[in-house]
Amino acid sequence: MNAKIALAAALAALAIAGCAKKEPVEAAQDAAADAAAAAGEAADAAGDAATAAGDAAMDATSEAASDAATATGEAVEETGKAVEETGEAIQDEAKN
């Protein structure tokens, strides 16, 4: 993204420098057109960055949810084992 913005700014600067040799009105029109194009490229780059950030957030959220589900499943399984062991211990005590 920063590279696109830097490129757009460099192109705008070159265009402005090239326009300095032209008539003032024509130079101003060319500079304005180049600046508008550079602004459009910068906006596109910002949009791409926002999309990438959104995608990364969705990926992280999905992964976190999956990890939480796995951990919950493991906890339930361990709790079941503990309950079973406790039941067996109670039965053994009752026999004695």
PDB file of N, CA and C in Angstrom:
ATOM      1  N   MET A   1       0.830  -1.175   0.000  1.00  0.00           N
ATOM      2  CA  MET A   1       0.000   0.000   0.000  1.00  0.00           C
ATOM      3  C   MET A   1       0.881   1.248   0.000  1.00  0.00           C
ATOM      4  N   ASN A   2       1.890   1.299   0.847  1.00  0.00           N
ATOM      5  CA  ASN A   2       2.758   2.467   0.911  1.00  0.00           C
ATOM      6  C   ASN A   2       3.498   2.663  -0.399  1.00  0.00           C
ATOM      7  N   ALA A   3       3.834   1.563  -1.075  1.00  0.00           N
ATOM      8  CA  ALA A   3       4.538   1.665  -2.347  1.00  0.00           C
ATOM      9  C   ALA A   3       3.642   2.307  -3.396  1.00  0.00           C
ATOM     10  N   LYS A   4       2.351   1.950  -3.404  1.00  0.00           N
ATOM     11  CA  LYS A   4       1.429   2.540  -4.375  1.00  0.00           C
ATOM     12  C   LYS A   4       1.272   4.035  -4.116  1.00  0.00           C
ATOM     13  N   ILE A   5       1.165   4.412  -2.861  1.00  0.00           N
ATOM     14  CA  ILE A   5       1.013   5.825  -2.516  1.00  0.00           C
ATOM     15  C   ILE A   5       2.273   6.597  -2.904  1.00  0.00           C
ATOM     16  N   ALA A   6       3.433   6.022  -2.623  1.00  0.00           N
ATOM     17  CA  ALA A   6       4.691   6.681  -2.968  1.00  0.00           C
ATOM     18  C   ALA A   6       4.819   6.825  -4.480  1.00  0.00           C
ATOM     19  N   LEU A   7       4.433   5.785  -5.221  1.00  0.00           N
ATOM     20  CA  LEU A   7       4.492   5.847  -6.676  1.00  0.00           C
ATOM     21  C   LEU A   7       3.551   6.921  -7.208  1.00  0.00           C
ATOM     22  N   ALA A   8       2.348   6.975  -6.659  1.00  0.00           N
ATOM     23  CA  ALA A   8       1.385   7.982  -7.094  1.00  0.00           C
ATOM     24  C   ALA A   8       1.915   9.392  -6.814  1.00  0.00           C
ATOM     25  N   ALA A   9       2.516   9.585  -5.650  1.00  0.00           N
ATOM     26  CA  ALA A   9       3.064  10.894  -5.296  1.00  0.00           C
ATOM     27  C   ALA A   9       4.227  11.265  -6.218  1.00  0.00           C
ATOM     28  N   ALA A  10       5.071  10.276  -6.536  1.00  0.00           N
ATOM     29  CA  ALA A  10       6.206  10.536  -7.431  1.00  0.00           C
ATOM     30  C   ALA A  10       5.719  10.907  -8.820  1.00  0.00           C
ATOM     31  N   LEU A  11       4.710  10.192  -9.301  1.00  0.00           N
ATOM     32  CA  LEU A  11       4.152  10.513 -10.618  1.00  0.00           C
ATOM     33  C   LEU A  11       3.550  11.914 -10.629  1.00  0.00           C
ATOM     34  N   ALA A  12       2.855  12.259  -9.556  1.00  0.00           N
ATOM     35  CA  ALA A  12       2.266  13.601  -9.472  1.00  0.00           C
ATOM     36  C   ALA A  12       3.359  14.668  -9.472  1.00  0.00           C
ATOM     37  N   ALA A  13       4.442  14.416  -8.746  1.00  0.00           N
ATOM     38  CA  ALA A  13       5.544  15.386  -8.691  1.00  0.00           C
ATOM     39  C   ALA A  13       6.200  15.544 -10.061  1.00  0.00           C
ATOM     40  N   LEU A  14       6.406  14.421 -10.752  1.00  0.00           N
ATOM     41  CA  LEU A  14       6.991  14.496 -12.092  1.00  0.00           C
ATOM     42  C   LEU A  14       6.072  15.238 -13.059  1.00  0.00           C
ATOM     43  N   ALA A  15       4.788  14.972 -12.934  1.00  0.00           N
ATOM     44  CA  ALA A  15       3.831  15.646 -13.806  1.00  0.00           C
ATOM     45  C   ALA A  15       3.820  17.141 -13.547  1.00  0.00           C
ATOM     46  N   ILE A  16       3.885  17.514 -12.292  1.00  0.00           N
ATOM     47  CA  ILE A  16       3.899  18.939 -11.941  1.00  0.00           C
ATOM     48  C   ILE A  16       5.178  19.599 -12.457  1.00  0.00           C
ATOM     49  N   ALA A  17       6.299  18.884 -12.325  1.00  0.00           N
ATOM     50  CA  ALA A  17       7.565  19.430 -12.815  1.00  0.00           C
ATOM     51  C   ALA A  17       7.533  19.572 -14.333  1.00  0.00           C
ATOM     52  N   GLY A  18       6.948  18.601 -15.028  1.00  0.00           N
ATOM     53  CA  GLY A  18       6.835  18.680 -16.480  1.00  0.00           C
ATOM     54  C   GLY A  18       5.904  19.780 -16.922  1.00  0.00           C
ATOM     55  N   CYS A  19       4.897  20.040 -16.137  1.00  0.00           N
ATOM     56  CA  CYS A  19       3.922  21.074 -16.480  1.00  0.00           C
ATOM     57  C   CYS A  19       4.473  22.482 -16.297  1.00  0.00           C
ATOM     58  N   ALA A  20       5.555  22.618 -15.572  1.00  0.00           N
ATOM     59  CA  ALA A  20       6.117  23.944 -15.313  1.00  0.00           C
ATOM     60  C   ALA A  20       6.555  24.615 -16.604  1.00  0.00           C
ATOM     61  N   LYS A  21       6.862  23.842 -17.643  1.00  0.00           N
ATOM     62  CA  LYS A  21       7.309  24.408 -18.911  1.00  0.00           C
ATOM     63  C   LYS A  21       6.127  24.810 -19.795  1.00  0.00           C
ATOM     64  N   LYS A  22       4.908  24.377 -19.457  1.00  0.00           N
ATOM     65  CA  LYS A  22       3.739  24.662 -20.274  1.00  0.00           C
ATOM     66  C   LYS A  22       3.127  26.002 -19.871  1.00  0.00           C
ATOM     67  N   GLU A  23       2.110  26.377 -20.594  1.00  0.00           N
ATOM     68  CA  GLU A  23       1.374  27.581 -20.249  1.00  0.00           C
ATOM     69  C   GLU A  23       0.766  27.403 -18.854  1.00  0.00           C
ATOM     70  N   PRO A  24       0.624  28.434 -18.079  1.00  0.00           N
ATOM     71  CA  PRO A  24       0.126  28.322 -16.708  1.00  0.00           C
ATOM     72  C   PRO A  24      -1.228  27.632 -16.582  1.00  0.00           C
ATOM     73  N   VAL A  25      -2.189  27.946 -17.432  1.00  0.00           N
ATOM     74  CA  VAL A  25      -3.518  27.344 -17.322  1.00  0.00           C
ATOM     75  C   VAL A  25      -3.450  25.866 -17.668  1.00  0.00           C
ATOM     76  N   GLU A  26      -2.740  25.550 -18.753  1.00  0.00           N
ATOM     77  CA  GLU A  26      -2.602  24.154 -19.173  1.00  0.00           C
ATOM     78  C   GLU A  26      -1.835  23.355 -18.112  1.00  0.00           C
ATOM     79  N   ALA A  27      -0.809  23.962 -17.535  1.00  0.00           N
ATOM     80  CA  ALA A  27      -0.023  23.298 -16.497  1.00  0.00           C
ATOM     81  C   ALA A  27      -0.885  23.015 -15.273  1.00  0.00           C
ATOM     82  N   ALA A  28      -1.718  23.964 -14.898  1.00  0.00           N
ATOM     83  CA  ALA A  28      -2.583  23.778 -13.733  1.00  0.00           C
ATOM     84  C   ALA A  28      -3.601  22.676 -13.991  1.00  0.00           C
ATOM     85  N   GLN A  29      -4.141  22.624 -15.210  1.00  0.00           N
ATOM     86  CA  GLN A  29      -5.101  21.578 -15.545  1.00  0.00           C
ATOM     87  C   GLN A  29      -4.444  20.201 -15.509  1.00  0.00           C
ATOM     88  N   ASP A  30      -3.259  20.118 -16.089  1.00  0.00           N
ATOM     89  CA  ASP A  30      -2.544  18.838 -16.082  1.00  0.00           C
ATOM     90  C   ASP A  30      -2.186  18.411 -14.658  1.00  0.00           C
ATOM     91  N   ALA A  31      -1.745  19.352 -13.852  1.00  0.00           N
ATOM     92  CA  ALA A  31      -1.382  19.039 -12.467  1.00  0.00           C
ATOM     93  C   ALA A  31      -2.603  18.573 -11.683  1.00  0.00           C
ATOM     94  N   ALA A  32      -3.743  19.226 -11.920  1.00  0.00           N
ATOM     95  CA  ALA A  32      -4.965  18.828 -11.218  1.00  0.00           C
ATOM     96  C   ALA A  32      -5.394  17.427 -11.635  1.00  0.00           C
ATOM     97  N   ALA A  33      -5.292  17.127 -12.929  1.00  0.00           N
ATOM     98  CA  ALA A  33      -5.661  15.789 -13.412  1.00  0.00           C
ATOM     99  C   ALA A  33      -4.734  14.733 -12.825  1.00  0.00           C
ATOM    100  N   ASP A  34      -3.438  15.047 -12.800  1.00  0.00           N
ATOM    101  CA  ASP A  34      -2.478  14.092 -12.235  1.00  0.00           C
ATOM    102  C   ASP A  34      -2.698  13.893 -10.737  1.00  0.00           C
ATOM    103  N   ALA A  35      -3.008  14.966 -10.039  1.00  0.00           N
ATOM    104  CA  ALA A  35      -3.272  14.860  -8.606  1.00  0.00           C
ATOM    105  C   ALA A  35      -4.526  14.031  -8.345  1.00  0.00           C
ATOM    106  N   ALA A  36      -5.542  14.206  -9.190  1.00  0.00           N
ATOM    107  CA  ALA A  36      -6.767  13.424  -9.034  1.00  0.00           C
ATOM    108  C   ALA A  36      -6.488  11.948  -9.283  1.00  0.00           C
ATOM    109  N   ALA A  37      -5.672  11.658 -10.290  1.00  0.00           N
ATOM    110  CA  ALA A  37      -5.318  10.262 -10.572  1.00  0.00           C
ATOM    111  C   ALA A  37      -4.532   9.662  -9.411  1.00  0.00           C
ATOM    112  N   ALA A  38      -3.603  10.432  -8.853  1.00  0.00           N
ATOM    113  CA  ALA A  38      -2.815   9.954  -7.717  1.00  0.00           C
ATOM    114  C   ALA A  38      -3.709   9.713  -6.508  1.00  0.00           C
ATOM    115  N   ALA A  39      -4.681  10.597  -6.300  1.00  0.00           N
ATOM    116  CA  ALA A  39      -5.607  10.419  -5.180  1.00  0.00           C
ATOM    117  C   ALA A  39      -6.450   9.167  -5.380  1.00  0.00           C
ATOM    118  N   GLY A  40      -6.859   8.910  -6.625  1.00  0.00           N
ATOM    119  CA  GLY A  40      -7.618   7.694  -6.912  1.00  0.00           C
ATOM    120  C   GLY A  40      -6.806   6.443  -6.629  1.00  0.00           C
ATOM    121  N   GLU A  41      -5.535   6.460  -7.024  1.00  0.00           N
ATOM    122  CA  GLU A  41      -4.666   5.313  -6.757  1.00  0.00           C
ATOM    123  C   GLU A  41      -4.464   5.116  -5.252  1.00  0.00           C
ATOM    124  N   ALA A  42      -4.319   6.218  -4.531  1.00  0.00           N
ATOM    125  CA  ALA A  42      -4.157   6.119  -3.074  1.00  0.00           C
ATOM    126  C   ALA A  42      -5.424   5.560  -2.432  1.00  0.00           C
ATOM    127  N   ALA A  43      -6.580   5.978  -2.925  1.00  0.00           N
ATOM    128  CA  ALA A  43      -7.844   5.463  -2.390  1.00  0.00           C
ATOM    129  C   ALA A  43      -7.977   3.971  -2.676  1.00  0.00           C
ATOM    130  N   ASP A  44      -7.570   3.549  -3.867  1.00  0.00           N
ATOM    131  CA  ASP A  44      -7.598   2.124  -4.199  1.00  0.00           C
ATOM    132  C   ASP A  44      -6.685   1.330  -3.266  1.00  0.00           C
ATOM    133  N   ALA A  45      -5.505   1.870  -3.016  1.00  0.00           N
ATOM    134  CA  ALA A  45      -4.561   1.195  -2.126  1.00  0.00           C
ATOM    135  C   ALA A  45      -5.128   1.097  -0.708  1.00  0.00           C
ATOM    136  N   ALA A  46      -5.779   2.170  -0.261  1.00  0.00           N
ATOM    137  CA  ALA A  46      -6.386   2.143   1.080  1.00  0.00           C
ATOM    138  C   ALA A  46      -7.514   1.122   1.140  1.00  0.00           C
ATOM    139  N   GLY A  47      -8.298   1.029   0.060  1.00  0.00           N
ATOM    140  CA  GLY A  47      -9.364   0.028   0.006  1.00  0.00           C
ATOM    141  C   GLY A  47      -8.811  -1.387   0.048  1.00  0.00           C
ATOM    142  N   ASP A  48      -7.712  -1.614  -0.675  1.00  0.00           N
ATOM    143  CA  ASP A  48      -7.075  -2.933  -0.657  1.00  0.00           C
ATOM    144  C   ASP A  48      -6.571  -3.279   0.744  1.00  0.00           C
ATOM    145  N   ALA A  49      -6.007  -2.292   1.412  1.00  0.00           N
ATOM    146  CA  ALA A  49      -5.508  -2.519   2.772  1.00  0.00           C
ATOM    147  C   ALA A  49      -6.649  -2.833   3.726  1.00  0.00           C
ATOM    148  N   ALA A  50      -7.756  -2.123   3.582  1.00  0.00           N
ATOM    149  CA  ALA A  50      -8.912  -2.373   4.451  1.00  0.00           C
ATOM    150  C   ALA A  50      -9.481  -3.764   4.211  1.00  0.00           C
ATOM    151  N   THR A  51      -9.535  -4.168   2.954  1.00  0.00           N
ATOM    152  CA  THR A  51     -10.022  -5.516   2.630  1.00  0.00           C
ATOM    153  C   THR A  51      -9.098  -6.580   3.236  1.00  0.00           C
ATOM    154  N   ALA A  52      -7.803  -6.373   3.095  1.00  0.00           N
ATOM    155  CA  ALA A  52      -6.851  -7.327   3.655  1.00  0.00           C
ATOM    156  C   ALA A  52      -6.965  -7.404   5.173  1.00  0.00           C
ATOM    157  N   ALA A  53      -7.158  -6.261   5.820  1.00  0.00           N
ATOM    158  CA  ALA A  53      -7.311  -6.249   7.278  1.00  0.00           C
ATOM    159  C   ALA A  53      -8.589  -6.975   7.693  1.00  0.00           C
ATOM    160  N   GLY A  54      -9.655  -6.752   6.947  1.00  0.00           N
ATOM    161  CA  GLY A  54     -10.914  -7.445   7.239  1.00  0.00           C
ATOM    162  C   GLY A  54     -10.785  -8.951   7.071  1.00  0.00           C
ATOM    163  N   ASP A  55     -10.102  -9.365   6.005  1.00  0.00           N
ATOM    164  CA  ASP A  55      -9.891 -10.797   5.776  1.00  0.00           C
ATOM    165  C   ASP A  55      -9.059 -11.415   6.900  1.00  0.00           C
ATOM    166  N   ALA A  56      -8.031 -10.703   7.317  1.00  0.00           N
ATOM    167  CA  ALA A  56      -7.178 -11.215   8.398  1.00  0.00           C
ATOM    168  C   ALA A  56      -7.966 -11.333   9.699  1.00  0.00           C
ATOM    169  N   ALA A  57      -8.822 -10.363   9.970  1.00  0.00           N
ATOM    170  CA  ALA A  57      -9.638 -10.414  11.189  1.00  0.00           C
ATOM    171  C   ALA A  57     -10.604 -11.591  11.149  1.00  0.00           C
ATOM    172  N   MET A  58     -11.208 -11.832   9.998  1.00  0.00           N
ATOM    173  CA  MET A  58     -12.137 -12.960   9.875  1.00  0.00           C
ATOM    174  C   MET A  58     -11.403 -14.286  10.064  1.00  0.00           C
ATOM    175  N   ASP A  59     -10.210 -14.394   9.468  1.00  0.00           N
ATOM    176  CA  ASP A  59      -9.420 -15.616   9.620  1.00  0.00           C
ATOM    177  C   ASP A  59      -9.057 -15.852  11.087  1.00  0.00           C
ATOM    178  N   ALA A  60      -8.642 -14.792  11.773  1.00  0.00           N
ATOM    179  CA  ALA A  60      -8.263 -14.919  13.181  1.00  0.00           C
ATOM    180  C   ALA A  60      -9.465 -15.308  14.036  1.00  0.00           C
ATOM    181  N   THR A  61     -10.614 -14.719  13.734  1.00  0.00           N
ATOM    182  CA  THR A  61     -11.822 -15.032  14.494  1.00  0.00           C
ATOM    183  C   THR A  61     -12.232 -16.485  14.286  1.00  0.00           C
ATOM    184  N   SER A  62     -12.176 -16.941  13.047  1.00  0.00           N
ATOM    185  CA  SER A  62     -12.532 -18.328  12.749  1.00  0.00           C
ATOM    186  C   SER A  62     -11.589 -19.300  13.457  1.00  0.00           C
ATOM    187  N   GLU A  63     -10.316 -18.990  13.427  1.00  0.00           N
ATOM    188  CA  GLU A  63      -9.334 -19.863  14.075  1.00  0.00           C
ATOM    189  C   GLU A  63      -9.541 -19.879  15.588  1.00  0.00           C
ATOM    190  N   ALA A  64      -9.819 -18.729  16.170  1.00  0.00           N
ATOM    191  CA  ALA A  64     -10.051 -18.661  17.616  1.00  0.00           C
ATOM    192  C   ALA A  64     -11.295 -19.461  18.004  1.00  0.00           C
ATOM    193  N   ALA A  65     -12.337 -19.362  17.198  1.00  0.00           N
ATOM    194  CA  ALA A  65     -13.567 -20.112  17.486  1.00  0.00           C
ATOM    195  C   ALA A  65     -13.313 -21.613  17.396  1.00  0.00           C
ATOM    196  N   SER A  66     -12.544 -22.023  16.413  1.00  0.00           N
ATOM    197  CA  SER A  66     -12.216 -23.439  16.261  1.00  0.00           C
ATOM    198  C   SER A  66     -11.399 -23.937  17.450  1.00  0.00           C
ATOM    199  N   ASP A  67     -10.423 -23.145  17.864  1.00  0.00           N
ATOM    200  CA  ASP A  67      -9.599 -23.517  19.023  1.00  0.00           C
ATOM    201  C   ASP A  67     -10.444 -23.605  20.290  1.00  0.00           C
ATOM    202  N   ALA A  68     -11.376 -22.674  20.449  1.00  0.00           N
ATOM    203  CA  ALA A  68     -12.245 -22.690  21.634  1.00  0.00           C
ATOM    204  C   ALA A  68     -13.140 -23.923  21.626  1.00  0.00           C
ATOM    205  N   ALA A  69     -13.660 -24.282  20.469  1.00  0.00           N
ATOM    206  CA  ALA A  69     -14.513 -25.471  20.374  1.00  0.00           C
ATOM    207  C   ALA A  69     -13.724 -26.736  20.704  1.00  0.00           C
ATOM    208  N   THR A  70     -12.499 -26.810  20.214  1.00  0.00           N
ATOM    209  CA  THR A  70     -11.648 -27.964  20.510  1.00  0.00           C
ATOM    210  C   THR A  70     -11.351 -28.050  22.003  1.00  0.00           C
ATOM    211  N   ALA A  71     -11.011 -26.919  22.603  1.00  0.00           N
ATOM    212  CA  ALA A  71     -10.703 -26.903  24.038  1.00  0.00           C
ATOM    213  C   ALA A  71     -11.929 -27.277  24.857  1.00  0.00           C
ATOM    214  N   THR A  72     -13.095 -26.795  24.457  1.00  0.00           N
ATOM    215  CA  THR A  72     -14.331 -27.129  25.173  1.00  0.00           C
ATOM    216  C   THR A  72     -14.614 -28.624  25.079  1.00  0.00           C
ATOM    217  N   GLY A  73     -14.437 -29.183  23.888  1.00  0.00           N
ATOM    218  CA  GLY A  73     -14.645 -30.622  23.711  1.00  0.00           C
ATOM    219  C   GLY A  73     -13.711 -31.435  24.583  1.00  0.00           C
ATOM    220  N   GLU A  74     -12.463 -31.025  24.651  1.00  0.00           N
ATOM    221  CA  GLU A  74     -11.489 -31.730  25.482  1.00  0.00           C
ATOM    222  C   GLU A  74     -11.857 -31.613  26.961  1.00  0.00           C
ATOM    223  N   ALA A  75     -12.307 -30.428  27.372  1.00  0.00           N
ATOM    224  CA  ALA A  75     -12.697 -30.229  28.773  1.00  0.00           C
ATOM    225  C   ALA A  75     -13.895 -31.098  29.133  1.00  0.00           C
ATOM    226  N   VAL A  76     -14.860 -31.187  28.216  1.00  0.00           N
ATOM    227  CA  VAL A  76     -16.030 -32.028  28.465  1.00  0.00           C
ATOM    228  C   VAL A  76     -15.612 -33.491  28.591  1.00  0.00           C
ATOM    229  N   GLU A  77     -14.719 -33.918  27.721  1.00  0.00           N
ATOM    230  CA  GLU A  77     -14.240 -35.306  27.775  1.00  0.00           C
ATOM    231  C   GLU A  77     -13.526 -35.592  29.098  1.00  0.00           C
ATOM    232  N   GLU A  78     -12.674 -34.689  29.532  1.00  0.00           N
ATOM    233  CA  GLU A  78     -11.960 -34.871  30.798  1.00  0.00           C
ATOM    234  C   GLU A  78     -12.921 -34.851  31.986  1.00  0.00           C
ATOM    235  N   THR A  79     -13.932 -33.990  31.919  1.00  0.00           N
ATOM    236  CA  THR A  79     -14.932 -33.946  32.987  1.00  0.00           C
ATOM    237  C   THR A  79     -15.686 -35.268  33.054  1.00  0.00           C
ATOM    238  N   GLY A  80     -16.033 -35.814  31.904  1.00  0.00           N
ATOM    239  CA  GLY A  80     -16.712 -37.112  31.863  1.00  0.00           C
ATOM    240  C   GLY A  80     -15.872 -38.206  32.489  1.00  0.00           C
ATOM    241  N   LYS A  81     -14.577 -38.196  32.185  1.00  0.00           N
ATOM    242  CA  LYS A  81     -13.680 -39.197  32.772  1.00  0.00           C
ATOM    243  C   LYS A  81     -13.618 -39.037  34.290  1.00  0.00           C
ATOM    244  N   ALA A  82     -13.543 -37.789  34.757  1.00  0.00           N
ATOM    245  CA  ALA A  82     -13.468 -37.545  36.196  1.00  0.00           C
ATOM    246  C   ALA A  82     -14.742 -37.995  36.896  1.00  0.00           C
ATOM    247  N   VAL A  83     -15.882 -37.747  36.273  1.00  0.00           N
ATOM    248  CA  VAL A  83     -17.162 -38.175  36.853  1.00  0.00           C
ATOM    249  C   VAL A  83     -17.213 -39.693  36.917  1.00  0.00           C
ATOM    250  N   GLU A  84     -16.768 -40.336  35.860  1.00  0.00           N
ATOM    251  CA  GLU A  84     -16.762 -41.806  35.831  1.00  0.00           C
ATOM    252  C   GLU A  84     -15.855 -42.366  36.915  1.00  0.00           C
ATOM    253  N   GLU A  85     -14.676 -41.806  37.051  1.00  0.00           N
ATOM    254  CA  GLU A  85     -13.745 -42.263  38.081  1.00  0.00           C
ATOM    255  C   GLU A  85     -14.316 -42.034  39.481  1.00  0.00           C
ATOM    256  N   THR A  86     -14.968 -40.888  39.678  1.00  0.00           N
ATOM    257  CA  THR A  86     -15.587 -40.595  40.975  1.00  0.00           C
ATOM    258  C   THR A  86     -16.692 -41.606  41.270  1.00  0.00           C
ATOM    259  N   GLY A  87     -17.504 -41.920  40.273  1.00  0.00           N
ATOM    260  CA  GLY A  87     -18.563 -42.917  40.454  1.00  0.00           C
ATOM    261  C   GLY A  87     -17.998 -44.262  40.817  1.00  0.00           C
ATOM    262  N   GLU A  88     -16.922 -44.662  40.178  1.00  0.00           N
ATOM    263  CA  GLU A  88     -16.292 -45.945  40.484  1.00  0.00           C
ATOM    264  C   GLU A  88     -15.742 -45.952  41.913  1.00  0.00           C
ATOM    265  N   ALA A  89     -15.148 -44.822  42.309  1.00  0.00           N
ATOM    266  CA  ALA A  89     -14.605 -44.740  43.663  1.00  0.00           C
ATOM    267  C   ALA A  89     -15.713 -44.817  44.699  1.00  0.00           C
ATOM    268  N   ILE A  90     -16.850 -44.172  44.422  1.00  0.00           N
ATOM    269  CA  ILE A  90     -17.979 -44.229  45.356  1.00  0.00           C
ATOM    270  C   ILE A  90     -18.506 -45.662  45.459  1.00  0.00           C
ATOM    271  N   GLN A  91     -18.589 -46.373  44.341  1.00  0.00           N
ATOM    272  CA  GLN A  91     -19.062 -47.753  44.340  1.00  0.00           C
ATOM    273  C   GLN A  91     -18.107 -48.638  45.121  1.00  0.00           C
ATOM    274  N   ASP A  92     -16.807 -48.416  44.945  1.00  0.00           N
ATOM    275  CA  ASP A  92     -15.811 -49.205  45.680  1.00  0.00           C
ATOM    276  C   ASP A  92     -15.931 -48.958  47.193  1.00  0.00           C
ATOM    277  N   GLU A  93     -16.149 -47.703  47.571  1.00  0.00           N
ATOM    278  CA  GLU A  93     -16.309 -47.376  49.000  1.00  0.00           C
ATOM    279  C   GLU A  93     -17.578 -48.014  49.554  1.00  0.00           C
ATOM    280  N   ALA A  94     -18.600 -48.015  48.758  1.00  0.00           N
ATOM    281  CA  ALA A  94     -19.880 -48.590  49.217  1.00  0.00           C
ATOM    282  C   ALA A  94     -19.748 -50.100  49.454  1.00  0.00           C
ATOM    283  N   LYS A  95     -18.921 -50.758  48.705  1.00  0.00           N
ATOM    284  CA  LYS A  95     -18.710 -52.205  48.871  1.00  0.00           C
ATOM    285  C   LYS A  95     -17.952 -52.497  50.148  1.00  0.00           C
ATOM    286  N   ASN A  96     -17.122 -51.591  50.568  1.00  0.00           N
ATOM    287  CA  ASN A  96     -16.308 -51.834  51.774  1.00  0.00           C
ATOM    288  C   ASN A  96     -17.074 -51.502  52.971  1.00  0.00           C
TER     289      ASN A  96
END
